[in-house]
């Protein structure tokens, strides 16, 4: 879904990465992405493809950091709805 933010040059679209909702924003000089359900997680890049790659890499790292800090992990989806990579990370974290 794409929408033009009223009276702004920012283009906003949404998608899902690793089971988390991700918002992509394009401004005249760059792209950004963040996961609203994972506060503090955001990336910036020169292209949509770059921020898609960066956010996909950042989500598992962010979740591991939450676990290391003993903060509550946001459970938005059932395990079977998560990517195999993310399920493996959760299993490793839970075993620690």
PDB file of N, CA and C in Angstrom:
ATOM      1  N   UNK A   1       0.846  -1.171   0.000  1.00  0.00           N
ATOM      2  CA  UNK A   1       0.000   0.000   0.000  1.00  0.00           C
ATOM      3  C   UNK A   1       0.892   1.235   0.000  1.00  0.00           C
ATOM      4  N   UNK A   2       0.648   2.140  -0.921  1.00  0.00           N
ATOM      5  CA  UNK A   2       1.406   3.381  -0.979  1.00  0.00           C
ATOM      6  C   UNK A   2       0.445   4.541  -0.830  1.00  0.00           C
ATOM      7  N   UNK A   3       0.907   5.581  -0.166  1.00  0.00           N
ATOM      8  CA  UNK A   3       0.083   6.777  -0.061  1.00  0.00           C
ATOM      9  C   UNK A   3       0.991   7.989   0.008  1.00  0.00           C
ATOM     10  N   UNK A   4       0.560   9.055  -0.534  1.00  0.00           N
ATOM     11  CA  UNK A   4       1.287  10.305  -0.469  1.00  0.00           C
ATOM     12  C   UNK A   4       0.801  11.048   0.770  1.00  0.00           C
ATOM     13  N   UNK A   5       1.719  11.391   1.659  1.00  0.00           N
ATOM     14  CA  UNK A   5       1.346  12.134   2.853  1.00  0.00           C
ATOM     15  C   UNK A   5       0.970  13.541   2.422  1.00  0.00           C
ATOM     16  N   UNK A   6      -0.200  14.000   2.888  1.00  0.00           N
ATOM     17  CA  UNK A   6      -0.745  15.276   2.456  1.00  0.00           C
ATOM     18  C   UNK A   6       0.240  16.416   2.679  1.00  0.00           C
ATOM     19  N   UNK A   7       0.429  17.250   1.641  1.00  0.00           N
ATOM     20  CA  UNK A   7       1.288  18.427   1.662  1.00  0.00           C
ATOM     21  C   UNK A   7       2.717  18.092   2.065  1.00  0.00           C
ATOM     22  N   UNK A   8       3.207  16.937   1.653  1.00  0.00           N
ATOM     23  CA  UNK A   8       4.567  16.528   1.975  1.00  0.00           C
ATOM     24  C   UNK A   8       5.136  15.740   0.805  1.00  0.00           C
ATOM     25  N   UNK A   9       6.429  15.878   0.560  1.00  0.00           N
ATOM     26  CA  UNK A   9       7.045  15.104  -0.515  1.00  0.00           C
ATOM     27  C   UNK A   9       7.369  13.669  -0.110  1.00  0.00           C
ATOM     28  N   UNK A  10       6.871  13.232   1.050  1.00  0.00           N
ATOM     29  CA  UNK A  10       7.191  11.903   1.556  1.00  0.00           C
ATOM     30  C   UNK A  10       6.201  10.879   1.010  1.00  0.00           C
ATOM     31  N   UNK A  11       6.722   9.797   0.439  1.00  0.00           N
ATOM     32  CA  UNK A  11       5.910   8.676  -0.024  1.00  0.00           C
ATOM     33  C   UNK A  11       6.021   7.574   1.018  1.00  0.00           C
ATOM     34  N   UNK A  12       4.884   7.073   1.501  1.00  0.00           N
ATOM     35  CA  UNK A  12       4.879   6.066   2.557  1.00  0.00           C
ATOM     36  C   UNK A  12       4.223   4.804   2.040  1.00  0.00           C
ATOM     37  N   UNK A  13       4.830   3.653   2.316  1.00  0.00           N
ATOM     38  CA  UNK A  13       4.217   2.363   1.993  1.00  0.00           C
ATOM     39  C   UNK A  13       4.497   1.402   3.133  1.00  0.00           C
ATOM     40  N   UNK A  14       3.723   0.327   3.196  1.00  0.00           N
ATOM     41  CA  UNK A  14       3.888  -0.651   4.261  1.00  0.00           C
ATOM     42  C   UNK A  14       4.122  -2.029   3.680  1.00  0.00           C
ATOM     43  N   UNK A  15       4.779  -2.856   4.467  1.00  0.00           N
ATOM     44  CA  UNK A  15       5.000  -4.246   4.107  1.00  0.00           C
ATOM     45  C   UNK A  15       5.267  -5.033   5.377  1.00  0.00           C
ATOM     46  N   UNK A  16       5.682  -6.280   5.232  1.00  0.00           N
ATOM     47  CA  UNK A  16       6.036  -7.104   6.379  1.00  0.00           C
ATOM     48  C   UNK A  16       7.394  -7.735   6.137  1.00  0.00           C
ATOM     49  N   UNK A  17       8.190  -7.766   7.201  1.00  0.00           N
ATOM     50  CA  UNK A  17       9.493  -8.413   7.162  1.00  0.00           C
ATOM     51  C   UNK A  17       9.605  -9.254   8.420  1.00  0.00           C
ATOM     52  N   UNK A  18       9.920 -10.526   8.276  1.00  0.00           N
ATOM     53  CA  UNK A  18      10.063 -11.432   9.415  1.00  0.00           C
ATOM     54  C   UNK A  18       8.820 -11.415  10.307  1.00  0.00           C
ATOM     55  N   UNK A  19       7.661 -11.162   9.759  1.00  0.00           N
ATOM     56  CA  UNK A  19       6.436 -11.175  10.553  1.00  0.00           C
ATOM     57  C   UNK A  19       6.119  -9.853  11.218  1.00  0.00           C
ATOM     58  N   UNK A  20       6.957  -8.842  11.058  1.00  0.00           N
ATOM     59  CA  UNK A  20       6.706  -7.533  11.645  1.00  0.00           C
ATOM     60  C   UNK A  20       6.327  -6.532  10.556  1.00  0.00           C
ATOM     61  N   UNK A  21       5.405  -5.661  10.904  1.00  0.00           N
ATOM     62  CA  UNK A  21       4.987  -4.606   9.974  1.00  0.00           C
ATOM     63  C   UNK A  21       6.135  -3.617   9.826  1.00  0.00           C
ATOM     64  N   UNK A  22       6.427  -3.243   8.578  1.00  0.00           N
ATOM     65  CA  UNK A  22       7.493  -2.292   8.281  1.00  0.00           C
ATOM     66  C   UNK A  22       6.917  -1.159   7.442  1.00  0.00           C
ATOM     67  N   UNK A  23       7.289   0.061   7.792  1.00  0.00           N
ATOM     68  CA  UNK A  23       6.863   1.241   7.053  1.00  0.00           C
ATOM     69  C   UNK A  23       8.073   1.765   6.281  1.00  0.00           C
ATOM     70  N   UNK A  24       7.882   1.970   4.988  1.00  0.00           N
ATOM     71  CA  UNK A  24       8.920   2.509   4.127  1.00  0.00           C
ATOM     72  C   UNK A  24       8.546   3.937   3.764  1.00  0.00           C
ATOM     73  N   UNK A  25       9.524   4.832   3.827  1.00  0.00           N
ATOM     74  CA  UNK A  25       9.285   6.227   3.474  1.00  0.00           C
ATOM     75  C   UNK A  25      10.337   6.693   2.477  1.00  0.00           C
ATOM     76  N   UNK A  26       9.863   7.397   1.465  1.00  0.00           N
ATOM     77  CA  UNK A  26      10.784   7.964   0.485  1.00  0.00           C
ATOM     78  C   UNK A  26      10.679   9.482   0.553  1.00  0.00           C
ATOM     79  N   UNK A  27      11.824  10.112   0.700  1.00  0.00           N
ATOM     80  CA  UNK A  27      11.880  11.562   0.607  1.00  0.00           C
ATOM     81  C   UNK A  27      12.731  11.881  -0.618  1.00  0.00           C
ATOM     82  N   UNK A  28      12.819  13.126  -1.009  1.00  0.00           N
ATOM     83  CA  UNK A  28      13.531  13.409  -2.265  1.00  0.00           C
ATOM     84  C   UNK A  28      14.967  12.894  -2.347  1.00  0.00           C
ATOM     85  N   UNK A  29      15.662  12.765  -1.214  1.00  0.00           N
ATOM     86  CA  UNK A  29      17.080  12.387  -1.285  1.00  0.00           C
ATOM     87  C   UNK A  29      17.407  11.002  -0.748  1.00  0.00           C
ATOM     88  N   UNK A  30      16.457  10.306  -0.118  1.00  0.00           N
ATOM     89  CA  UNK A  30      16.777   8.991   0.444  1.00  0.00           C
ATOM     90  C   UNK A  30      15.513   8.203   0.782  1.00  0.00           C
ATOM     91  N   UNK A  31      15.727   6.993   1.270  1.00  0.00           N
ATOM     92  CA  UNK A  31      14.657   6.114   1.740  1.00  0.00           C
ATOM     93  C   UNK A  31      14.900   5.791   3.203  1.00  0.00           C
ATOM     94  N   UNK A  32      13.828   5.478   3.911  1.00  0.00           N
ATOM     95  CA  UNK A  32      13.930   5.036   5.290  1.00  0.00           C
ATOM     96  C   UNK A  32      12.939   3.915   5.533  1.00  0.00           C
ATOM     97  N   UNK A  33      13.179   3.139   6.591  1.00  0.00           N
ATOM     98  CA  UNK A  33      12.258   2.078   6.976  1.00  0.00           C
ATOM     99  C   UNK A  33      12.332   1.914   8.482  1.00  0.00           C
ATOM    100  N   UNK A  34      11.171   1.602   9.086  1.00  0.00           N
ATOM    101  CA  UNK A  34      11.132   1.324  10.513  1.00  0.00           C
ATOM    102  C   UNK A  34      10.007   0.344  10.793  1.00  0.00           C
ATOM    103  N   UNK A  35      10.125  -0.334  11.923  1.00  0.00           N
ATOM    104  CA  UNK A  35       9.108  -1.291  12.357  1.00  0.00           C
ATOM    105  C   UNK A  35       8.391  -0.676  13.561  1.00  0.00           C
ATOM    106  N   UNK A  36       7.146  -0.228  13.387  1.00  0.00           N
ATOM    107  CA  UNK A  36       6.437   0.447  14.475  1.00  0.00           C
ATOM    108  C   UNK A  36       6.321  -0.388  15.746  1.00  0.00           C
ATOM    109  N   UNK A  37       6.317  -1.701  15.616  1.00  0.00           N
ATOM    110  CA  UNK A  37       6.176  -2.559  16.786  1.00  0.00           C
ATOM    111  C   UNK A  37       7.511  -2.861  17.461  1.00  0.00           C
ATOM    112  N   UNK A  38       8.584  -2.344  16.920  1.00  0.00           N
ATOM    113  CA  UNK A  38       9.919  -2.525  17.490  1.00  0.00           C
ATOM    114  C   UNK A  38      10.549  -1.145  17.700  1.00  0.00           C
ATOM    115  N   UNK A  39      10.169  -0.451  18.758  1.00  0.00           N
ATOM    116  CA  UNK A  39      10.664   0.910  18.983  1.00  0.00           C
ATOM    117  C   UNK A  39      12.189   0.984  18.973  1.00  0.00           C
ATOM    118  N   UNK A  40      12.672   2.027  18.366  1.00  0.00           N
ATOM    119  CA  UNK A  40      14.112   2.241  18.296  1.00  0.00           C
ATOM    120  C   UNK A  40      14.782   1.617  17.096  1.00  0.00           C
ATOM    121  N   UNK A  41      14.018   0.946  16.261  1.00  0.00           N
ATOM    122  CA  UNK A  41      14.590   0.276  15.089  1.00  0.00           C
ATOM    123  C   UNK A  41      14.224   1.052  13.835  1.00  0.00           C
ATOM    124  N   UNK A  42      15.239   1.529  13.132  1.00  0.00           N
ATOM    125  CA  UNK A  42      15.017   2.230  11.874  1.00  0.00           C
ATOM    126  C   UNK A  42      16.288   2.220  11.048  1.00  0.00           C
ATOM    127  N   UNK A  43      16.131   2.303   9.750  1.00  0.00           N
ATOM    128  CA  UNK A  43      17.280   2.307   8.842  1.00  0.00           C
ATOM    129  C   UNK A  43      17.065   3.365   7.769  1.00  0.00           C
ATOM    130  N   UNK A  44      18.158   3.808   7.166  1.00  0.00           N
ATOM    131  CA  UNK A  44      18.121   4.798   6.090  1.00  0.00           C
ATOM    132  C   UNK A  44      19.062   4.325   4.997  1.00  0.00           C
ATOM    133  N   UNK A  45      18.674   4.554   3.742  1.00  0.00           N
ATOM    134  CA  UNK A  45      19.524   4.169   2.626  1.00  0.00           C
ATOM    135  C   UNK A  45      19.224   4.987   1.390  1.00  0.00           C
ATOM    136  N   UNK A  46      19.971   4.721   0.352  1.00  0.00           N
ATOM    137  CA  UNK A  46      19.817   5.463  -0.898  1.00  0.00           C
ATOM    138  C   UNK A  46      18.682   4.951  -1.775  1.00  0.00           C
ATOM    139  N   UNK A  47      18.254   3.694  -1.556  1.00  0.00           N
ATOM    140  CA  UNK A  47      17.214   3.113  -2.407  1.00  0.00           C
ATOM    141  C   UNK A  47      16.266   2.252  -1.584  1.00  0.00           C
ATOM    142  N   UNK A  48      15.110   1.957  -2.147  1.00  0.00           N
ATOM    143  CA  UNK A  48      14.152   1.067  -1.486  1.00  0.00           C
ATOM    144  C   UNK A  48      14.774  -0.306  -1.275  1.00  0.00           C
ATOM    145  N   UNK A  49      15.482  -0.803  -2.278  1.00  0.00           N
ATOM    146  CA  UNK A  49      16.109  -2.110  -2.173  1.00  0.00           C
ATOM    147  C   UNK A  49      17.111  -2.145  -1.024  1.00  0.00           C
ATOM    148  N   UNK A  50      17.870  -1.079  -0.864  1.00  0.00           N
ATOM    149  CA  UNK A  50      18.851  -1.034   0.208  1.00  0.00           C
ATOM    150  C   UNK A  50      18.174  -1.060   1.586  1.00  0.00           C
ATOM    151  N   UNK A  51      17.125  -0.263   1.772  1.00  0.00           N
ATOM    152  CA  UNK A  51      16.473  -0.259   3.089  1.00  0.00           C
ATOM    153  C   UNK A  51      15.715  -1.563   3.339  1.00  0.00           C
ATOM    154  N   UNK A  52      15.207  -2.215   2.299  1.00  0.00           N
ATOM    155  CA  UNK A  52      14.582  -3.529   2.487  1.00  0.00           C
ATOM    156  C   UNK A  52      15.609  -4.528   3.010  1.00  0.00           C
ATOM    157  N   UNK A  53      16.802  -4.508   2.453  1.00  0.00           N
ATOM    158  CA  UNK A  53      17.865  -5.400   2.910  1.00  0.00           C
ATOM    159  C   UNK A  53      18.299  -5.041   4.328  1.00  0.00           C
ATOM    160  N   UNK A  54      18.487  -3.755   4.593  1.00  0.00           N
ATOM    161  CA  UNK A  54      18.944  -3.313   5.909  1.00  0.00           C
ATOM    162  C   UNK A  54      17.937  -3.639   7.011  1.00  0.00           C
ATOM    163  N   UNK A  55      16.650  -3.417   6.756  1.00  0.00           N
ATOM    164  CA  UNK A  55      15.648  -3.690   7.794  1.00  0.00           C
ATOM    165  C   UNK A  55      15.531  -5.198   8.029  1.00  0.00           C
ATOM    166  N   UNK A  56      15.658  -5.996   6.961  1.00  0.00           N
ATOM    167  CA  UNK A  56      15.612  -7.453   7.115  1.00  0.00           C
ATOM    168  C   UNK A  56      16.790  -7.947   7.954  1.00  0.00           C
ATOM    169  N   UNK A  57      17.942  -7.306   7.824  1.00  0.00           N
ATOM    170  CA  UNK A  57      19.103  -7.659   8.638  1.00  0.00           C
ATOM    171  C   UNK A  57      18.963  -7.130  10.061  1.00  0.00           C
ATOM    172  N   UNK A  58      18.331  -5.979  10.222  1.00  0.00           N
ATOM    173  CA  UNK A  58      18.274  -5.312  11.522  1.00  0.00           C
ATOM    174  C   UNK A  58      17.261  -5.934  12.489  1.00  0.00           C
ATOM    175  N   UNK A  59      16.166  -6.469  11.988  1.00  0.00           N
ATOM    176  CA  UNK A  59      15.124  -7.003  12.883  1.00  0.00           C
ATOM    177  C   UNK A  59      15.660  -8.126  13.766  1.00  0.00           C
ATOM    178  N   UNK A  60      16.299  -9.163  13.229  1.00  0.00           N
ATOM    179  CA  UNK A  60      16.814 -10.213  14.112  1.00  0.00           C
ATOM    180  C   UNK A  60      17.859  -9.703  15.104  1.00  0.00           C
ATOM    181  N   UNK A  61      18.708  -8.786  14.676  1.00  0.00           N
ATOM    182  CA  UNK A  61      19.718  -8.208  15.565  1.00  0.00           C
ATOM    183  C   UNK A  61      19.044  -7.444  16.696  1.00  0.00           C
ATOM    184  N   UNK A  62      18.029  -6.670  16.358  1.00  0.00           N
ATOM    185  CA  UNK A  62      17.288  -5.893  17.362  1.00  0.00           C
ATOM    186  C   UNK A  62      16.638  -6.822  18.387  1.00  0.00           C
ATOM    187  N   UNK A  63      16.041  -7.907  17.915  1.00  0.00           N
ATOM    188  CA  UNK A  63      15.389  -8.853  18.821  1.00  0.00           C
ATOM    189  C   UNK A  63      16.411  -9.548  19.724  1.00  0.00           C
ATOM    190  N   UNK A  64      17.578  -9.851  19.192  1.00  0.00           N
ATOM    191  CA  UNK A  64      18.629 -10.454  20.019  1.00  0.00           C
ATOM    192  C   UNK A  64      19.088  -9.470  21.095  1.00  0.00           C
ATOM    193  N   UNK A  65      19.208  -8.200  20.733  1.00  0.00           N
ATOM    194  CA  UNK A  65      19.608  -7.181  21.708  1.00  0.00           C
ATOM    195  C   UNK A  65      18.559  -7.040  22.813  1.00  0.00           C
ATOM    196  N   UNK A  66      17.292  -7.098  22.441  1.00  0.00           N
ATOM    197  CA  UNK A  66      16.238  -7.059  23.456  1.00  0.00           C
ATOM    198  C   UNK A  66      16.413  -8.214  24.440  1.00  0.00           C
ATOM    199  N   UNK A  67      16.707  -9.390  23.917  1.00  0.00           N
ATOM    200  CA  UNK A  67      16.881 -10.559  24.775  1.00  0.00           C
ATOM    201  C   UNK A  67      18.104 -10.395  25.680  1.00  0.00           C
ATOM    202  N   UNK A  68      19.192  -9.872  25.135  1.00  0.00           N
ATOM    203  CA  UNK A  68      20.395  -9.667  25.937  1.00  0.00           C
ATOM    204  C   UNK A  68      20.147  -8.668  27.059  1.00  0.00           C
ATOM    205  N   UNK A  69      19.337  -7.680  26.783  1.00  0.00           N
ATOM    206  CA  UNK A  69      18.990  -6.672  27.788  1.00  0.00           C
ATOM    207  C   UNK A  69      17.869  -7.146  28.701  1.00  0.00           C
ATOM    208  N   UNK A  70      17.392  -8.393  28.463  1.00  0.00           N
ATOM    209  CA  UNK A  70      16.300  -8.985  29.245  1.00  0.00           C
ATOM    210  C   UNK A  70      15.014  -8.149  29.163  1.00  0.00           C
ATOM    211  N   UNK A  71      14.825  -7.524  28.026  1.00  0.00           N
ATOM    212  CA  UNK A  71      13.592  -6.788  27.789  1.00  0.00           C
ATOM    213  C   UNK A  71      12.592  -7.725  27.145  1.00  0.00           C
ATOM    214  N   UNK A  72      11.329  -7.401  27.315  1.00  0.00           N
ATOM    215  CA  UNK A  72      10.285  -8.249  26.751  1.00  0.00           C
ATOM    216  C   UNK A  72      10.319  -8.184  25.235  1.00  0.00           C
ATOM    217  N   UNK A  73      10.233  -9.354  24.636  1.00  0.00           N
ATOM    218  CA  UNK A  73      10.211  -9.450  23.178  1.00  0.00           C
ATOM    219  C   UNK A  73       8.774  -9.279  22.703  1.00  0.00           C
ATOM    220  N   UNK A  74       8.540  -8.439  21.723  1.00  0.00           N
ATOM    221  CA  UNK A  74       7.167  -8.269  21.216  1.00  0.00           C
ATOM    222  C   UNK A  74       6.717  -9.506  20.436  1.00  0.00           C
ATOM    223  N   UNK A  75       5.698 -10.187  20.911  1.00  0.00           N
ATOM    224  CA  UNK A  75       5.149 -11.355  20.224  1.00  0.00           C
ATOM    225  C   UNK A  75       3.910 -10.922  19.467  1.00  0.00           C
ATOM    226  N   UNK A  76       4.070 -10.707  18.186  1.00  0.00           N
ATOM    227  CA  UNK A  76       2.954 -10.248  17.366  1.00  0.00           C
ATOM    228  C   UNK A  76       2.295 -11.389  16.611  1.00  0.00           C
ATOM    229  N   UNK A  77       3.054 -12.454  16.377  1.00  0.00           N
ATOM    230  CA  UNK A  77       2.579 -13.522  15.518  1.00  0.00           C
ATOM    231  C   UNK A  77       2.909 -14.872  16.148  1.00  0.00           C
ATOM    232  N   UNK A  78       2.172 -15.875  15.781  1.00  0.00           N
ATOM    233  CA  UNK A  78       2.492 -17.239  16.221  1.00  0.00           C
ATOM    234  C   UNK A  78       3.799 -17.679  15.567  1.00  0.00           C
ATOM    235  N   UNK A  79       4.467 -18.599  16.216  1.00  0.00           N
ATOM    236  CA  UNK A  79       5.768 -19.060  15.738  1.00  0.00           C
ATOM    237  C   UNK A  79       5.731 -19.506  14.276  1.00  0.00           C
ATOM    238  N   UNK A  80       4.695 -20.243  13.895  1.00  0.00           N
ATOM    239  CA  UNK A  80       4.634 -20.749  12.511  1.00  0.00           C
ATOM    240  C   UNK A  80       4.446 -19.644  11.475  1.00  0.00           C
ATOM    241  N   UNK A  81       4.081 -18.452  11.903  1.00  0.00           N
ATOM    242  CA  UNK A  81       3.923 -17.334  10.977  1.00  0.00           C
ATOM    243  C   UNK A  81       5.228 -16.569  10.762  1.00  0.00           C
ATOM    244  N   UNK A  82       6.246 -16.850  11.588  1.00  0.00           N
ATOM    245  CA  UNK A  82       7.528 -16.169  11.461  1.00  0.00           C
ATOM    246  C   UNK A  82       8.401 -16.866  10.424  1.00  0.00           C
ATOM    247  N   UNK A  83       9.379 -16.151   9.928  1.00  0.00           N
ATOM    248  CA  UNK A  83      10.308 -16.741   8.971  1.00  0.00           C
ATOM    249  C   UNK A  83      11.129 -17.826   9.675  1.00  0.00           C
ATOM    250  N   UNK A  84      11.617 -18.817   8.930  1.00  0.00           N
ATOM    251  CA  UNK A  84      12.447 -19.863   9.541  1.00  0.00           C
ATOM    252  C   UNK A  84      13.681 -19.291  10.243  1.00  0.00           C
ATOM    253  N   UNK A  85      14.276 -18.251   9.670  1.00  0.00           N
ATOM    254  CA  UNK A  85      15.447 -17.635  10.280  1.00  0.00           C
ATOM    255  C   UNK A  85      15.113 -17.044  11.642  1.00  0.00           C
ATOM    256  N   UNK A  86      13.985 -16.357  11.728  1.00  0.00           N
ATOM    257  CA  UNK A  86      13.597 -15.731  12.985  1.00  0.00           C
ATOM    258  C   UNK A  86      13.198 -16.783  14.019  1.00  0.00           C
ATOM    259  N   UNK A  87      12.538 -17.852  13.587  1.00  0.00           N
ATOM    260  CA  UNK A  87      12.212 -18.944  14.518  1.00  0.00           C
ATOM    261  C   UNK A  87      13.484 -19.536  15.109  1.00  0.00           C
ATOM    262  N   UNK A  88      14.526 -19.692  14.282  1.00  0.00           N
ATOM    263  CA  UNK A  88      15.798 -20.246  14.758  1.00  0.00           C
ATOM    264  C   UNK A  88      16.451 -19.313  15.773  1.00  0.00           C
ATOM    265  N   UNK A  89      16.369 -18.021  15.523  1.00  0.00           N
ATOM    266  CA  UNK A  89      16.934 -17.054  16.470  1.00  0.00           C
ATOM    267  C   UNK A  89      16.187 -17.113  17.792  1.00  0.00           C
ATOM    268  N   UNK A  90      14.858 -17.148  17.734  1.00  0.00           N
ATOM    269  CA  UNK A  90      14.060 -17.230  18.968  1.00  0.00           C
ATOM    270  C   UNK A  90      14.387 -18.503  19.735  1.00  0.00           C
ATOM    271  N   UNK A  91      14.544 -19.617  19.046  1.00  0.00           N
ATOM    272  CA  UNK A  91      14.860 -20.878  19.715  1.00  0.00           C
ATOM    273  C   UNK A  91      16.220 -20.781  20.412  1.00  0.00           C
ATOM    274  N   UNK A  92      17.177 -20.161  19.762  1.00  0.00           N
ATOM    275  CA  UNK A  92      18.506 -19.995  20.345  1.00  0.00           C
ATOM    276  C   UNK A  92      18.445 -19.090  21.577  1.00  0.00           C
ATOM    277  N   UNK A  93      17.686 -18.000  21.480  1.00  0.00           N
ATOM    278  CA  UNK A  93      17.545 -17.060  22.598  1.00  0.00           C
ATOM    279  C   UNK A  93      16.846 -17.751  23.766  1.00  0.00           C
ATOM    280  N   UNK A  94      15.767 -18.476  23.486  1.00  0.00           N
ATOM    281  CA  UNK A  94      15.005 -19.125  24.541  1.00  0.00           C
ATOM    282  C   UNK A  94      15.807 -20.219  25.234  1.00  0.00           C
ATOM    283  N   UNK A  95      16.763 -20.815  24.524  1.00  0.00           N
ATOM    284  CA  UNK A  95      17.570 -21.883  25.104  1.00  0.00           C
ATOM    285  C   UNK A  95      18.644 -21.320  26.040  1.00  0.00           C
ATOM    286  N   UNK A  96      18.968 -20.043  25.873  1.00  0.00           N
ATOM    287  CA  UNK A  96      20.033 -19.417  26.688  1.00  0.00           C
ATOM    288  C   UNK A  96      19.583 -19.153  28.114  1.00  0.00           C
TER     289      UNK A  96
END
